[in-house]
Amino acid sequence: MTDIKRLEIGPRMSQAVVHGGVVWLSGQVGAPGESVTAQTQTIVKRIDALLAEAGSDKSRLLQATIWLASMDDFAEMNAVWDAWVDPANPPARACGESRLATPDYKVEIIVTAAR
């Protein structure tokens, strides 16, 4: 039986869960009210930190799901994403528009990675 490791456990959710060599991150958001660029930069830094804590890194990403409050922000978010993602190991990715937890959130990113 493989153990389940939970990182940064809160009352509602864990920020990451590791099981069977796979790392699942919860949806990561930036500071409410910041620009799409600033929120995306905060998110990818947070992803890096959580993956490192779980024993992985962005070169091991398997999948990413990106939610934007407005698809009008697609190019702005992608400018940050493209500068950050490992070009030799990009994940499978989907991006869509969704109403996020508050109107001040513009971007939310969920990733799954191999350990």
N, C-alpha and C. Protein backbone atom coordinates (compact mmCIF):
# COMPACT_ATOMS: atom_id res chain seq x y z
N MET A 1 0.84 -1.18 0.00
CA MET A 1 0.00 0.00 0.00
C MET A 1 0.88 1.24 0.00
N THR A 2 0.57 2.18 -0.88
CA THR A 2 1.34 3.41 -0.99
C THR A 2 0.74 4.47 -0.07
N ASP A 3 1.61 5.16 0.63
CA ASP A 3 1.15 6.22 1.51
C ASP A 3 0.71 7.44 0.71
N ILE A 4 -0.19 8.18 1.27
CA ILE A 4 -0.63 9.46 0.72
C ILE A 4 0.01 10.55 1.56
N LYS A 5 0.67 11.49 0.90
CA LYS A 5 1.29 12.62 1.60
C LYS A 5 0.53 13.88 1.21
N ARG A 6 0.11 14.64 2.19
CA ARG A 6 -0.62 15.89 1.95
C ARG A 6 0.24 17.06 2.42
N LEU A 7 0.33 18.08 1.58
CA LEU A 7 1.14 19.26 1.89
C LEU A 7 0.24 20.47 2.15
N GLU A 8 0.61 21.22 3.16
CA GLU A 8 -0.11 22.45 3.53
C GLU A 8 -1.61 22.19 3.67
N ILE A 9 -1.92 21.35 4.63
CA ILE A 9 -3.29 20.94 4.88
C ILE A 9 -4.06 22.08 5.55
N GLY A 10 -5.22 22.36 5.01
CA GLY A 10 -6.11 23.37 5.59
C GLY A 10 -7.43 22.72 5.95
N PRO A 11 -8.36 23.49 6.47
CA PRO A 11 -9.63 22.91 6.88
C PRO A 11 -10.48 22.42 5.71
N ARG A 12 -10.25 22.95 4.51
CA ARG A 12 -11.06 22.61 3.36
C ARG A 12 -10.31 21.75 2.35
N MET A 13 -8.99 21.94 2.27
CA MET A 13 -8.22 21.24 1.23
C MET A 13 -6.73 21.27 1.56
N SER A 14 -5.99 20.43 0.85
CA SER A 14 -4.53 20.44 0.90
C SER A 14 -4.05 21.18 -0.35
N GLN A 15 -2.94 21.86 -0.22
CA GLN A 15 -2.40 22.56 -1.39
C GLN A 15 -1.80 21.58 -2.39
N ALA A 16 -1.34 20.42 -1.91
CA ALA A 16 -0.82 19.39 -2.80
C ALA A 16 -1.04 18.03 -2.14
N VAL A 17 -1.20 17.02 -2.99
CA VAL A 17 -1.32 15.64 -2.52
C VAL A 17 -0.39 14.79 -3.38
N VAL A 18 0.40 13.94 -2.71
CA VAL A 18 1.33 13.06 -3.40
C VAL A 18 0.90 11.62 -3.13
N HIS A 19 0.78 10.85 -4.22
CA HIS A 19 0.39 9.45 -4.09
C HIS A 19 0.86 8.69 -5.33
N GLY A 20 1.49 7.55 -5.10
CA GLY A 20 1.88 6.69 -6.21
C GLY A 20 2.76 7.35 -7.25
N GLY A 21 3.64 8.24 -6.83
CA GLY A 21 4.55 8.89 -7.78
C GLY A 21 3.94 10.04 -8.54
N VAL A 22 2.75 10.48 -8.15
CA VAL A 22 2.08 11.60 -8.81
C VAL A 22 1.80 12.69 -7.79
N VAL A 23 1.94 13.94 -8.24
CA VAL A 23 1.68 15.11 -7.40
C VAL A 23 0.51 15.89 -8.01
N TRP A 24 -0.52 16.10 -7.22
CA TRP A 24 -1.65 16.91 -7.64
C TRP A 24 -1.63 18.20 -6.85
N LEU A 25 -1.68 19.34 -7.53
CA LEU A 25 -1.76 20.63 -6.85
C LEU A 25 -3.19 21.15 -6.94
N SER A 26 -3.61 21.78 -5.88
CA SER A 26 -4.91 22.45 -5.91
C SER A 26 -4.79 23.68 -6.81
N GLY A 27 -5.89 24.31 -7.10
CA GLY A 27 -5.86 25.52 -7.93
C GLY A 27 -5.09 26.61 -7.21
N GLN A 28 -4.10 27.15 -7.89
CA GLN A 28 -3.27 28.20 -7.31
C GLN A 28 -3.70 29.55 -7.89
N VAL A 29 -3.77 30.55 -7.03
CA VAL A 29 -4.16 31.90 -7.43
C VAL A 29 -3.14 32.90 -6.91
N GLY A 30 -3.13 34.07 -7.50
CA GLY A 30 -2.27 35.15 -7.04
C GLY A 30 -3.01 36.05 -6.08
N ALA A 31 -2.44 37.21 -5.81
CA ALA A 31 -3.08 38.16 -4.90
C ALA A 31 -4.28 38.80 -5.59
N PRO A 32 -5.41 38.83 -4.91
CA PRO A 32 -6.61 39.43 -5.50
C PRO A 32 -6.36 40.87 -5.92
N GLY A 33 -6.85 41.23 -7.09
CA GLY A 33 -6.75 42.61 -7.56
C GLY A 33 -5.50 42.94 -8.34
N GLU A 34 -4.48 42.06 -8.30
CA GLU A 34 -3.28 42.32 -9.09
C GLU A 34 -3.57 42.07 -10.57
N SER A 35 -2.65 42.48 -11.42
CA SER A 35 -2.79 42.28 -12.85
C SER A 35 -2.70 40.79 -13.20
N VAL A 36 -3.12 40.44 -14.38
CA VAL A 36 -3.00 39.06 -14.86
C VAL A 36 -1.54 38.64 -14.84
N THR A 37 -0.64 39.51 -15.28
CA THR A 37 0.78 39.20 -15.28
C THR A 37 1.27 38.91 -13.87
N ALA A 38 0.96 39.80 -12.92
CA ALA A 38 1.43 39.62 -11.54
C ALA A 38 0.82 38.36 -10.92
N GLN A 39 -0.47 38.12 -11.14
CA GLN A 39 -1.09 36.91 -10.58
C GLN A 39 -0.45 35.66 -11.17
N THR A 40 -0.21 35.64 -12.47
CA THR A 40 0.39 34.46 -13.10
C THR A 40 1.82 34.25 -12.60
N GLN A 41 2.58 35.32 -12.43
CA GLN A 41 3.95 35.19 -11.90
C GLN A 41 3.92 34.61 -10.49
N THR A 42 3.02 35.08 -9.66
CA THR A 42 2.88 34.54 -8.30
C THR A 42 2.51 33.07 -8.34
N ILE A 43 1.59 32.72 -9.21
CA ILE A 43 1.12 31.34 -9.32
C ILE A 43 2.26 30.40 -9.72
N VAL A 44 3.03 30.75 -10.74
CA VAL A 44 4.08 29.82 -11.19
C VAL A 44 5.19 29.70 -10.15
N LYS A 45 5.46 30.76 -9.40
CA LYS A 45 6.43 30.66 -8.29
C LYS A 45 5.90 29.72 -7.21
N ARG A 46 4.62 29.81 -6.95
CA ARG A 46 3.98 28.95 -5.95
C ARG A 46 4.00 27.49 -6.41
N ILE A 47 3.73 27.28 -7.70
CA ILE A 47 3.79 25.93 -8.26
C ILE A 47 5.20 25.37 -8.10
N ASP A 48 6.21 26.17 -8.43
CA ASP A 48 7.60 25.73 -8.27
C ASP A 48 7.87 25.30 -6.82
N ALA A 49 7.42 26.10 -5.87
CA ALA A 49 7.68 25.81 -4.45
C ALA A 49 6.96 24.54 -4.00
N LEU A 50 5.71 24.38 -4.39
CA LEU A 50 4.96 23.18 -3.99
C LEU A 50 5.53 21.93 -4.64
N LEU A 51 5.90 22.02 -5.91
CA LEU A 51 6.50 20.87 -6.57
C LEU A 51 7.82 20.48 -5.91
N ALA A 52 8.63 21.48 -5.56
CA ALA A 52 9.90 21.19 -4.88
C ALA A 52 9.65 20.50 -3.54
N GLU A 53 8.67 20.99 -2.80
CA GLU A 53 8.34 20.39 -1.50
C GLU A 53 7.87 18.94 -1.68
N ALA A 54 7.25 18.66 -2.81
CA ALA A 54 6.74 17.31 -3.09
C ALA A 54 7.79 16.41 -3.74
N GLY A 55 8.97 16.96 -4.05
CA GLY A 55 10.03 16.17 -4.67
C GLY A 55 9.93 16.12 -6.18
N SER A 56 9.42 17.18 -6.78
CA SER A 56 9.27 17.25 -8.24
C SER A 56 9.67 18.63 -8.73
N ASP A 57 9.46 18.90 -10.01
CA ASP A 57 9.71 20.22 -10.57
C ASP A 57 8.93 20.35 -11.88
N LYS A 58 8.97 21.55 -12.46
CA LYS A 58 8.15 21.83 -13.64
C LYS A 58 8.52 20.99 -14.86
N SER A 59 9.70 20.41 -14.89
CA SER A 59 10.06 19.53 -16.01
C SER A 59 9.29 18.21 -15.96
N ARG A 60 8.62 17.95 -14.83
CA ARG A 60 7.87 16.71 -14.62
C ARG A 60 6.36 16.92 -14.72
N LEU A 61 5.94 18.13 -15.16
CA LEU A 61 4.51 18.39 -15.30
C LEU A 61 3.89 17.44 -16.30
N LEU A 62 2.73 16.91 -15.94
CA LEU A 62 1.97 16.03 -16.82
C LEU A 62 0.81 16.79 -17.46
N GLN A 63 0.12 17.59 -16.66
CA GLN A 63 -1.06 18.28 -17.14
C GLN A 63 -1.23 19.60 -16.42
N ALA A 64 -1.77 20.58 -17.13
CA ALA A 64 -2.11 21.87 -16.53
C ALA A 64 -3.50 22.27 -17.01
N THR A 65 -4.29 22.79 -16.08
CA THR A 65 -5.58 23.37 -16.41
C THR A 65 -5.53 24.81 -15.93
N ILE A 66 -5.79 25.72 -16.84
CA ILE A 66 -5.73 27.15 -16.54
C ILE A 66 -7.12 27.74 -16.72
N TRP A 67 -7.59 28.43 -15.68
CA TRP A 67 -8.86 29.13 -15.74
C TRP A 67 -8.58 30.62 -15.74
N LEU A 68 -9.18 31.32 -16.68
CA LEU A 68 -9.10 32.77 -16.76
C LEU A 68 -10.48 33.36 -16.52
N ALA A 69 -10.54 34.45 -15.79
CA ALA A 69 -11.82 35.13 -15.60
C ALA A 69 -12.32 35.68 -16.93
N SER A 70 -11.38 36.00 -17.83
CA SER A 70 -11.72 36.49 -19.17
C SER A 70 -10.70 35.99 -20.17
N MET A 71 -11.18 35.42 -21.26
CA MET A 71 -10.27 34.96 -22.31
C MET A 71 -9.56 36.13 -22.99
N ASP A 72 -10.01 37.35 -22.72
CA ASP A 72 -9.30 38.53 -23.22
C ASP A 72 -7.89 38.59 -22.63
N ASP A 73 -7.64 37.90 -21.51
CA ASP A 73 -6.34 37.91 -20.84
C ASP A 73 -5.44 36.75 -21.27
N PHE A 74 -5.85 35.99 -22.27
CA PHE A 74 -5.12 34.80 -22.72
C PHE A 74 -3.66 35.13 -23.10
N ALA A 75 -3.45 36.14 -23.91
CA ALA A 75 -2.09 36.48 -24.36
C ALA A 75 -1.22 36.95 -23.18
N GLU A 76 -1.80 37.75 -22.28
CA GLU A 76 -1.04 38.25 -21.14
C GLU A 76 -0.61 37.11 -20.22
N MET A 77 -1.51 36.18 -19.95
CA MET A 77 -1.17 35.02 -19.13
C MET A 77 -0.13 34.16 -19.84
N ASN A 78 -0.32 33.93 -21.14
CA ASN A 78 0.62 33.10 -21.90
C ASN A 78 2.03 33.68 -21.95
N ALA A 79 2.16 34.99 -21.92
CA ALA A 79 3.50 35.60 -21.92
C ALA A 79 4.29 35.13 -20.69
N VAL A 80 3.63 35.05 -19.54
CA VAL A 80 4.29 34.58 -18.32
C VAL A 80 4.48 33.07 -18.39
N TRP A 81 3.43 32.34 -18.77
CA TRP A 81 3.49 30.88 -18.86
C TRP A 81 4.63 30.44 -19.78
N ASP A 82 4.69 31.03 -20.98
CA ASP A 82 5.70 30.63 -21.97
C ASP A 82 7.12 30.89 -21.49
N ALA A 83 7.32 31.95 -20.72
CA ALA A 83 8.65 32.24 -20.16
C ALA A 83 9.01 31.28 -19.03
N TRP A 84 8.00 30.70 -18.39
CA TRP A 84 8.22 29.82 -17.23
C TRP A 84 8.28 28.34 -17.59
N VAL A 85 7.39 27.87 -18.42
CA VAL A 85 7.27 26.43 -18.68
C VAL A 85 8.56 25.88 -19.29
N ASP A 86 8.90 24.64 -18.95
CA ASP A 86 10.08 23.98 -19.51
C ASP A 86 9.80 23.66 -20.98
N PRO A 87 10.47 24.33 -21.93
CA PRO A 87 10.14 24.13 -23.34
C PRO A 87 10.42 22.72 -23.85
N ALA A 88 11.30 21.99 -23.18
CA ALA A 88 11.59 20.61 -23.58
C ALA A 88 10.56 19.63 -23.01
N ASN A 89 9.78 20.08 -22.02
CA ASN A 89 8.84 19.18 -21.33
C ASN A 89 7.51 19.86 -21.04
N PRO A 90 6.85 20.44 -22.04
CA PRO A 90 5.58 21.09 -21.75
C PRO A 90 4.50 20.05 -21.43
N PRO A 91 3.59 20.39 -20.51
CA PRO A 91 2.53 19.45 -20.15
C PRO A 91 1.39 19.48 -21.16
N ALA A 92 0.52 18.48 -21.08
CA ALA A 92 -0.77 18.60 -21.76
C ALA A 92 -1.47 19.76 -21.04
N ARG A 93 -2.18 20.60 -21.81
CA ARG A 93 -2.73 21.80 -21.18
C ARG A 93 -4.08 22.17 -21.77
N ALA A 94 -4.95 22.65 -20.90
CA ALA A 94 -6.23 23.22 -21.32
C ALA A 94 -6.36 24.59 -20.68
N CYS A 95 -7.05 25.49 -21.36
CA CYS A 95 -7.27 26.82 -20.81
C CYS A 95 -8.70 27.23 -21.18
N GLY A 96 -9.42 27.71 -20.19
CA GLY A 96 -10.78 28.13 -20.44
C GLY A 96 -11.16 29.31 -19.59
N GLU A 97 -12.34 29.83 -19.85
CA GLU A 97 -12.86 30.96 -19.11
C GLU A 97 -13.85 30.46 -18.07
N SER A 98 -13.73 31.01 -16.86
CA SER A 98 -14.62 30.59 -15.78
C SER A 98 -14.75 31.72 -14.77
N ARG A 99 -15.87 31.78 -14.11
CA ARG A 99 -16.01 32.71 -13.00
C ARG A 99 -15.20 32.13 -11.85
N LEU A 100 -14.25 32.88 -11.32
CA LEU A 100 -13.39 32.40 -10.24
C LEU A 100 -14.00 32.77 -8.88
N ALA A 101 -13.34 32.39 -7.81
CA ALA A 101 -13.89 32.52 -6.45
C ALA A 101 -14.33 33.94 -6.12
N THR A 102 -13.58 34.93 -6.55
CA THR A 102 -13.98 36.33 -6.40
C THR A 102 -13.63 37.05 -7.69
N PRO A 103 -14.27 38.17 -7.98
CA PRO A 103 -13.95 38.91 -9.21
C PRO A 103 -12.51 39.44 -9.23
N ASP A 104 -11.86 39.48 -8.06
CA ASP A 104 -10.48 39.98 -8.01
C ASP A 104 -9.46 38.95 -8.47
N TYR A 105 -9.85 37.69 -8.58
CA TYR A 105 -8.97 36.68 -9.14
C TYR A 105 -9.15 36.65 -10.64
N LYS A 106 -8.04 36.70 -11.35
CA LYS A 106 -8.09 36.71 -12.81
C LYS A 106 -7.57 35.41 -13.42
N VAL A 107 -6.76 34.66 -12.65
CA VAL A 107 -6.12 33.43 -13.14
C VAL A 107 -6.12 32.41 -12.02
N GLU A 108 -6.37 31.15 -12.38
CA GLU A 108 -6.20 30.02 -11.46
C GLU A 108 -5.59 28.89 -12.27
N ILE A 109 -4.53 28.27 -11.73
CA ILE A 109 -3.83 27.20 -12.44
C ILE A 109 -3.76 25.97 -11.55
N ILE A 110 -4.11 24.83 -12.15
CA ILE A 110 -4.09 23.52 -11.50
C ILE A 110 -3.11 22.66 -12.28
N VAL A 111 -2.18 21.99 -11.61
CA VAL A 111 -1.25 21.11 -12.31
C VAL A 111 -1.16 19.75 -11.64
N THR A 112 -0.77 18.77 -12.45
CA THR A 112 -0.44 17.43 -12.00
C THR A 112 0.96 17.14 -12.53
N ALA A 113 1.79 16.52 -11.69
CA ALA A 113 3.17 16.25 -12.09
C ALA A 113 3.59 14.86 -11.61
N ALA A 114 4.57 14.29 -12.31
CA ALA A 114 5.21 13.08 -11.85
C ALA A 114 6.21 13.48 -10.77
N ARG A 115 6.44 12.57 -9.85
CA ARG A 115 7.39 12.85 -8.79
C ARG A 115 8.78 12.47 -9.22
